[in-house]
Protein backbone atom coordinates (compact mmCIF):
# COMPACT_ATOMS: atom_id res chain seq x y z
CA UNK A 1 -11.44 -7.87 5.97
CA UNK A 2 -10.89 -7.01 2.33
CA UNK A 3 -13.33 -5.66 -0.25
CA UNK A 4 -12.80 -5.04 -3.95
CA UNK A 5 -14.41 -1.82 -5.20
CA UNK A 6 -14.84 -1.47 -8.95
CA UNK A 7 -14.00 2.20 -8.72
CA UNK A 8 -12.73 4.32 -5.84
CA UNK A 9 -13.57 5.36 -2.28
CA UNK A 10 -13.51 8.96 -1.04
CA UNK A 11 -12.84 9.47 2.65
CA UNK A 12 -15.43 12.26 2.86
CA UNK A 13 -19.14 12.65 3.57
CA UNK A 14 -21.82 14.22 1.39
CA UNK A 15 -22.04 17.94 2.20
CA UNK A 16 -25.71 18.26 3.13
CA UNK A 17 -28.20 15.95 4.80
CA UNK A 18 -30.80 17.20 2.29
CA UNK A 19 -28.85 15.67 -0.60
CA UNK A 20 -29.60 12.13 -1.82
CA UNK A 21 -27.41 9.37 -0.37
CA UNK A 22 -27.41 7.27 -3.54
CA UNK A 23 -27.37 8.23 -7.21
CA UNK A 24 -27.33 5.78 -10.13
CA UNK A 25 -26.01 6.44 -13.65
CA UNK A 26 -24.46 9.69 -12.48
CA UNK A 27 -22.42 12.22 -14.42
CA UNK A 28 -19.55 13.53 -12.30
CA UNK A 29 -18.05 17.02 -12.33
CA UNK A 30 -14.64 17.57 -10.74
CA UNK A 31 -13.83 21.16 -9.80
CA UNK A 32 -10.62 22.91 -8.91
CA UNK A 33 -12.26 26.21 -7.97
CA UNK A 34 -14.48 27.22 -5.04
CA UNK A 35 -18.26 27.38 -5.10
CA UNK A 36 -18.34 30.25 -2.65
CA UNK A 37 -17.90 34.04 -2.70
CA UNK A 38 -14.57 35.07 -4.15
CA UNK A 39 -12.01 36.51 -1.78
CA UNK A 40 -9.46 38.94 -3.18
CA UNK A 41 -5.84 38.11 -2.50
CA UNK A 42 -5.10 41.82 -2.09
CA UNK A 43 -6.68 44.08 0.47
CA UNK A 44 -9.81 45.77 -0.91
CA UNK A 45 -12.62 47.84 0.53
CA UNK A 46 -16.11 48.83 -0.61
CA UNK A 47 -17.84 51.97 0.51
CA UNK A 48 -21.49 51.58 1.51
CA UNK A 49 -23.52 54.70 2.25
CA UNK A 50 -26.95 53.17 2.81
CA UNK A 51 -28.58 49.92 4.02
CA UNK A 52 -30.03 49.35 0.55
CA UNK A 53 -26.54 49.20 -0.93
CA UNK A 54 -25.59 46.53 1.61
CA UNK A 55 -28.65 44.46 0.65
CA UNK A 56 -27.86 44.97 -3.02
CA UNK A 57 -24.28 43.81 -2.48
CA UNK A 58 -25.37 40.63 -0.66
CA UNK A 59 -28.10 39.89 -3.20
CA UNK A 60 -25.61 40.20 -6.03
CA UNK A 61 -23.22 37.86 -4.24
CA UNK A 62 -25.97 35.24 -3.87
CA UNK A 63 -27.05 35.75 -7.48
CA UNK A 64 -23.50 35.03 -8.66
CA UNK A 65 -23.44 31.80 -6.66
CA UNK A 66 -26.83 30.70 -8.02
CA UNK A 67 -25.57 31.43 -11.53
CA UNK A 68 -22.76 28.93 -10.90
CA UNK A 69 -25.33 26.39 -9.71
CA UNK A 70 -27.32 26.90 -12.93
CA UNK A 71 -24.24 26.16 -15.02
CA UNK A 72 -23.73 22.92 -13.10
CA UNK A 73 -27.38 21.93 -13.57
CA UNK A 74 -27.22 22.76 -17.29
CA UNK A 75 -24.12 20.56 -17.70
CA UNK A 76 -26.13 17.51 -16.59
CA UNK A 77 -23.83 16.68 -13.67
CA UNK A 78 -25.41 14.83 -10.76
CA UNK A 79 -22.30 14.75 -8.56
CA UNK A 80 -19.94 17.67 -7.86
CA UNK A 81 -16.58 16.96 -6.23
CA UNK A 82 -14.50 20.03 -5.44
CA UNK A 83 -11.02 20.56 -4.05
CA UNK A 84 -12.16 23.90 -2.64
CA UNK A 85 -15.09 25.00 -0.49
CA UNK A 86 -18.82 24.82 -1.29
CA UNK A 87 -21.05 27.58 0.12
CA UNK A 88 -24.13 26.61 2.17
CA UNK A 89 -26.38 28.47 -0.27
CA UNK A 90 -24.88 26.43 -3.12
CA UNK A 91 -25.35 23.21 -1.15
CA UNK A 92 -29.02 24.06 -0.58
CA UNK A 93 -29.57 24.89 -4.26
CA UNK A 94 -27.83 21.69 -5.41
CA UNK A 95 -29.85 19.60 -2.94
CA UNK A 96 -33.10 20.96 -4.40
CA UNK A 97 -31.95 19.74 -7.83
CA UNK A 98 -31.04 16.29 -6.46
CA UNK A 99 -27.31 16.86 -6.91
CA UNK A 100 -24.62 15.56 -4.53
CA UNK A 101 -21.65 17.74 -3.61
CA UNK A 102 -18.44 17.04 -1.69
CA UNK A 103 -16.08 19.84 -0.70
CA UNK A 104 -12.37 20.01 0.12
CA UNK A 105 -11.58 16.61 -1.35
CA UNK A 106 -7.89 15.75 -1.46
CA UNK A 107 -6.07 16.08 -4.76
CA UNK A 108 -5.05 12.41 -4.58
CA UNK A 109 -8.71 11.34 -4.26
CA UNK A 110 -9.64 13.55 -7.21
CA UNK A 111 -6.92 11.88 -9.26
CA UNK A 112 -8.31 8.41 -8.49
CA UNK A 113 -11.84 9.55 -9.37
CA UNK A 114 -10.49 10.71 -12.73
CA UNK A 115 -8.99 7.26 -13.32
CA UNK A 116 -12.14 5.42 -12.22
CA UNK A 117 -14.74 7.52 -14.07
CA UNK A 118 -12.92 9.10 -17.01
CA UNK A 119 -13.61 12.62 -15.69
CA UNK A 120 -11.22 15.54 -16.10
CA UNK A 121 -10.82 18.26 -13.50
CA UNK A 122 -12.59 21.43 -14.62
CA UNK A 123 -10.53 24.57 -14.04
CA UNK A 124 -13.19 27.06 -15.19
CA UNK A 125 -16.81 26.53 -14.23
CA UNK A 126 -17.89 29.12 -16.80
CA UNK A 127 -17.01 26.66 -19.58
CA UNK A 128 -17.95 23.11 -18.59
CA UNK A 129 -17.29 20.66 -21.43
CA UNK A 130 -19.00 17.30 -21.85
CA UNK A 131 -15.54 15.73 -22.20
CA UNK A 132 -14.77 16.83 -18.64
CA UNK A 133 -17.69 14.92 -17.14
CA UNK A 134 -17.13 11.41 -15.81
CA UNK A 135 -19.63 8.59 -15.39
CA UNK A 136 -20.37 6.08 -12.64
CA UNK A 137 -23.16 3.51 -12.45
CA UNK A 138 -23.58 4.09 -8.73
CA UNK A 139 -22.43 6.63 -6.15
CA UNK A 140 -23.46 6.14 -2.55
CA UNK A 141 -22.52 6.99 1.02
CA UNK A 142 -21.75 4.10 3.35
CA UNK A 143 -20.68 3.78 6.97
CA UNK A 144 -17.36 1.95 7.33
CA UNK A 145 -16.56 1.30 10.96
CA UNK A 146 -17.18 4.59 12.74
CA UNK A 147 -16.78 6.79 9.67
CA UNK A 148 -18.82 7.55 6.58
CA UNK A 149 -17.27 7.28 3.12
CA UNK A 150 -18.48 7.84 -0.43
CA UNK A 151 -18.15 4.94 -2.89
CA UNK A 152 -17.86 5.60 -6.63
CA UNK A 153 -18.47 2.39 -8.60
CA UNK A 154 -18.98 1.23 -12.17
CA UNK A 155 -17.22 3.74 -14.38
CA UNK A 156 -16.92 3.33 -18.14
CA UNK A 157 -13.66 1.50 -18.88
CA UNK A 158 -12.17 2.34 -15.46
CA UNK A 159 -8.40 2.67 -15.21
CA UNK A 160 -8.33 1.94 -11.49
CA UNK A 161 -10.05 -0.13 -8.82
CA UNK A 162 -9.79 0.01 -5.03
CA UNK A 163 -9.07 -2.55 -2.34
CA UNK A 164 -10.65 -1.52 0.96
CA UNK A 165 -8.70 -3.08 3.84
CA UNK A 166 -9.95 -3.22 7.42
CA UNK A 167 -8.34 -4.59 10.59
CA UNK A 168 -8.67 -4.41 14.37
CA UNK A 169 -5.64 -2.17 14.86
CA UNK A 170 -3.18 -0.07 12.89
CA UNK A 171 -0.46 -2.65 13.47
CA UNK A 172 -2.49 -5.45 11.88
CA UNK A 173 -3.64 -3.12 9.11
CA UNK A 174 -0.04 -2.21 8.22
CA UNK A 175 0.90 -5.88 8.10
CA UNK A 176 -2.18 -6.63 6.00
CA UNK A 177 -1.22 -3.80 3.66
CA UNK A 178 2.33 -5.12 3.24
CA UNK A 179 1.06 -8.62 2.43
CA UNK A 180 -1.30 -7.25 -0.21
CA UNK A 181 1.51 -5.22 -1.78
CA UNK A 182 3.75 -8.30 -1.84
CA UNK A 183 0.98 -10.24 -3.60
CA UNK A 184 0.72 -7.48 -6.21
CA UNK A 185 4.48 -7.54 -6.75
CA UNK A 186 4.37 -11.30 -7.34
CA UNK A 187 1.54 -10.84 -9.83
CA UNK A 188 3.44 -8.04 -11.58
CA UNK A 189 6.56 -10.20 -11.83
CA UNK A 190 4.54 -13.08 -13.28
CA UNK A 191 3.01 -10.79 -15.93
CA UNK A 192 6.47 -9.54 -16.90
CA UNK A 193 7.94 -13.05 -16.92
CA UNK A 194 5.10 -15.63 -17.22
CA UNK A 195 7.06 -18.71 -16.12
CA UNK A 196 6.57 -20.77 -12.98
CA UNK A 197 8.39 -23.45 -11.02
CA UNK A 198 7.11 -25.75 -8.31
CA UNK A 199 7.56 -24.63 -4.73
CA UNK A 200 7.81 -26.11 -1.22
CA UNK A 201 11.56 -26.63 -1.64
CA UNK A 202 11.24 -28.98 -4.62
CA UNK A 203 13.30 -26.77 -6.95
CA UNK A 204 16.13 -26.37 -4.45
CA UNK A 205 16.25 -30.13 -3.85
CA UNK A 206 16.43 -30.96 -7.56
CA UNK A 207 19.17 -28.38 -8.18
CA UNK A 208 21.14 -29.72 -5.20
CA UNK A 209 20.98 -33.28 -6.57
CA UNK A 210 22.12 -32.15 -10.03
CA UNK A 211 25.04 -30.23 -8.53
CA UNK A 212 26.11 -33.31 -6.57
CA UNK A 213 25.97 -35.40 -9.76
CA UNK A 214 28.29 -32.95 -11.52
CA UNK A 215 30.61 -32.48 -8.54
CA UNK A 216 32.16 -35.95 -9.02
CA UNK A 217 33.57 -34.82 -12.37
CA UNK A 218 35.34 -31.82 -10.81
CA UNK A 219 38.72 -32.07 -9.08
CA UNK A 220 40.26 -30.04 -6.29
CA UNK A 221 38.69 -27.47 -3.99
CA UNK A 222 35.96 -26.70 -6.53
CA UNK A 223 34.37 -30.07 -5.74
CA UNK A 224 34.16 -29.19 -2.04
CA UNK A 225 32.59 -25.84 -2.93
CA UNK A 226 29.97 -27.54 -5.09
CA UNK A 227 29.16 -30.01 -2.31
CA UNK A 228 28.76 -27.19 0.22
CA UNK A 229 26.54 -25.24 -2.17
CA UNK A 230 24.34 -28.30 -2.69
CA UNK A 231 24.09 -28.78 1.08
CA UNK A 232 23.01 -25.15 1.47
CA UNK A 233 20.24 -25.63 -1.10
CA UNK A 234 19.04 -28.77 0.66
CA UNK A 235 18.55 -26.76 3.84
CA UNK A 236 15.59 -24.92 2.26
CA UNK A 237 13.15 -27.89 2.17
CA UNK A 238 14.59 -29.26 5.42
CA UNK A 239 13.97 -25.92 7.15
CA UNK A 240 10.41 -25.97 5.86
CA UNK A 241 10.01 -29.48 7.28
CA UNK A 242 11.35 -28.35 10.66
CA UNK A 243 9.00 -25.35 10.73
CA UNK A 244 5.90 -27.51 10.31
CA UNK A 245 6.96 -30.02 12.97
CA UNK A 246 8.38 -32.82 10.81
CA UNK A 247 11.45 -34.79 11.75
CA UNK A 248 14.26 -33.31 9.65
CA UNK A 249 16.15 -36.61 9.32
CA UNK A 250 13.03 -38.44 8.15
CA UNK A 251 12.25 -35.65 5.69
CA UNK A 252 15.77 -35.80 4.24
CA UNK A 253 15.58 -39.58 3.86
CA UNK A 254 12.18 -39.44 2.15
CA UNK A 255 13.30 -36.71 -0.26
CA UNK A 256 16.38 -38.70 -1.28
CA UNK A 257 14.46 -41.94 -1.77
CA UNK A 258 11.62 -40.38 -3.74
CA UNK A 259 13.88 -38.29 -5.97
CA UNK A 260 16.01 -41.33 -6.87
CA UNK A 261 18.15 -39.44 -9.37
CA UNK A 262 15.22 -38.32 -11.48
CA UNK A 263 13.56 -34.91 -11.85
CA UNK A 264 10.57 -35.30 -9.63
CA UNK A 265 8.92 -32.32 -7.97
CA UNK A 266 8.87 -33.64 -4.43
CA UNK A 267 8.69 -31.06 -1.66
CA UNK A 268 7.37 -30.42 1.84
CA UNK A 269 3.58 -30.31 1.95
CA UNK A 270 2.69 -28.10 4.94
CA UNK A 271 -1.01 -29.06 4.74
CA UNK A 272 -0.43 -32.80 5.19
CA UNK A 273 2.99 -32.63 6.89
CA UNK A 274 4.32 -35.12 4.36
CA UNK A 275 6.75 -35.24 1.46
CA UNK A 276 4.56 -35.19 -1.64
CA UNK A 277 4.57 -34.36 -5.34
CA UNK A 278 4.24 -30.59 -5.78
CA UNK A 279 3.16 -31.08 -9.40
CA UNK A 280 -0.10 -32.71 -8.32
CA UNK A 281 -0.42 -30.43 -5.27
CA UNK A 282 -0.21 -27.36 -7.54
CA UNK A 283 2.24 -25.52 -5.27
CA UNK A 284 3.97 -23.02 -7.54
CA UNK A 285 6.26 -19.98 -7.45
CA UNK A 286 7.24 -17.45 -10.09
CA UNK A 287 10.51 -18.23 -11.82
CA UNK A 288 11.78 -14.63 -11.69
CA UNK A 289 11.47 -14.51 -7.89
CA UNK A 290 13.30 -17.82 -7.52
CA UNK A 291 16.10 -16.59 -9.79
CA UNK A 292 16.45 -13.42 -7.74
CA UNK A 293 16.63 -15.40 -4.49
CA UNK A 294 19.48 -17.54 -5.84
CA UNK A 295 21.27 -14.53 -7.28
CA UNK A 296 21.08 -12.54 -4.04
CA UNK A 297 22.21 -15.51 -1.94
CA UNK A 298 25.24 -16.17 -4.15
CA UNK A 299 26.25 -12.50 -4.28
CA UNK A 300 25.98 -12.18 -0.50
CA UNK A 301 28.07 -15.33 0.01
CA UNK A 302 30.76 -14.08 -2.37
CA UNK A 303 30.87 -10.75 -0.56
CA UNK A 304 31.32 -12.44 2.83
CA UNK A 305 34.05 -14.74 1.47
CA UNK A 306 35.97 -11.71 0.19
CA UNK A 307 36.12 -10.18 3.68
CA UNK A 308 39.67 -10.66 5.01
CA UNK A 309 39.29 -9.17 8.46
CA UNK A 310 36.93 -7.23 10.71
CA UNK A 311 38.09 -4.22 12.73
CA UNK A 312 36.06 -3.37 15.81
CA UNK A 313 35.43 0.30 16.45
CA UNK A 314 37.05 1.56 19.65
CA UNK A 315 34.59 2.43 22.37
CA UNK A 316 34.43 6.07 23.37
CA UNK A 317 35.27 6.90 26.98
CA UNK A 318 32.29 6.84 29.29
CA UNK A 319 30.23 4.83 26.81
CA UNK A 320 27.39 3.20 28.69
CA UNK A 321 24.22 1.27 28.03
CA UNK A 322 20.77 1.49 29.58
CA UNK A 323 18.57 -1.48 30.37
CA UNK A 324 16.35 -0.56 27.42
CA UNK A 325 19.32 -1.09 25.06
CA UNK A 326 20.13 2.59 24.43
CA UNK A 327 23.92 3.09 24.08
CA UNK A 328 25.60 6.49 24.17
CA UNK A 329 28.55 8.43 25.58
CA UNK A 330 29.10 11.85 27.13
CA UNK A 331 31.47 13.68 29.44
CA UNK A 332 31.57 12.72 33.11
CA UNK A 333 29.57 9.62 32.37
CA UNK A 334 31.16 7.91 35.36
CA UNK A 335 29.62 10.33 37.80
CA UNK A 336 26.14 9.99 39.22
CA UNK A 337 23.71 11.85 36.98
CA UNK A 338 20.12 11.79 35.80
CA UNK A 339 18.95 10.78 32.35
CA UNK A 340 15.55 11.35 30.84
CA UNK A 341 13.87 10.02 27.71
CA UNK A 342 13.35 12.30 24.71
CA UNK A 343 9.96 13.34 26.01
CA UNK A 344 11.58 14.27 29.34
CA UNK A 345 8.88 12.48 31.28
CA UNK A 346 10.51 9.32 32.59
CA UNK A 347 14.03 8.74 33.86
CA UNK A 348 16.01 6.03 32.13
CA UNK A 349 17.00 2.88 33.98
CA UNK A 350 20.32 2.23 35.72
CA UNK A 351 23.55 2.71 33.73
CA UNK A 352 25.92 -0.08 32.73
CA UNK A 353 29.43 1.12 31.87
CA UNK A 354 31.99 -0.42 29.56
């Protein structure tokens, strides 16, 4: 499952159940300082000689916190997102004013909120500037799977959006994530180089035919090299045909007859399992990716052709392999001995010696 969010998603819940779950047209304040009693970094002590002094100390502490709440209310902010803690007294006071707060939000999430809403992280709550406040059309808490998350949507001229991906397991989610990233890379490449070619093996087949046409004018070993290179290119559409269950010989014959020496974008249509015109089927690829594929293939081939010989590494005495494929060597490997996995919980399977 995939969902496009015109903003960002915070993997946190709203601090208090007394706070609203949805706020529209909200001003957002991002804080990098705690909304709780200050704790000195150095050891300090206060001397109290009477119960009234203790009450006075606690009352002053609460008054300082409420003063911070007043500054937030005066700024017009309806949502407070802090990297540090938020005191319960502050949460209660903010809830009474209809303000949402979220505490201990990750720095990375704060950065994305800045991008999505135009807010700037406030370093000093004593001086809150209007330029530091962000804006979102809607902020709401929503249950996603078994967890609750806060969605921030509809910022003014947002610089970021979010794709929310969901899958049945982490393995599928990782694969889903990789596919999405690959799609973004293709889109990025197309923006940088906005040229396309037709896919499904049609480009490789046309290039192969043109190389064969030119090979007859070349003498010597170079002609054989050109023929082999053309054959390698032809394997791309033929491999596609094999993968979708077509007869490779029939596919090769159809491609040759339909091309007929002219530039026609015939390739392997996986939807119909036929050789068809990719121009009308609108099967396309980015030119820059196709160029890179050819370049990498040629460079790899040249590197392999330049290899004169391969020297095998001598096996160390007592080198042995386990059934699970683990290969290693150690002293007295030929004697009966126990072997345990890294966790030390389960003995490895029988040894096989070289």
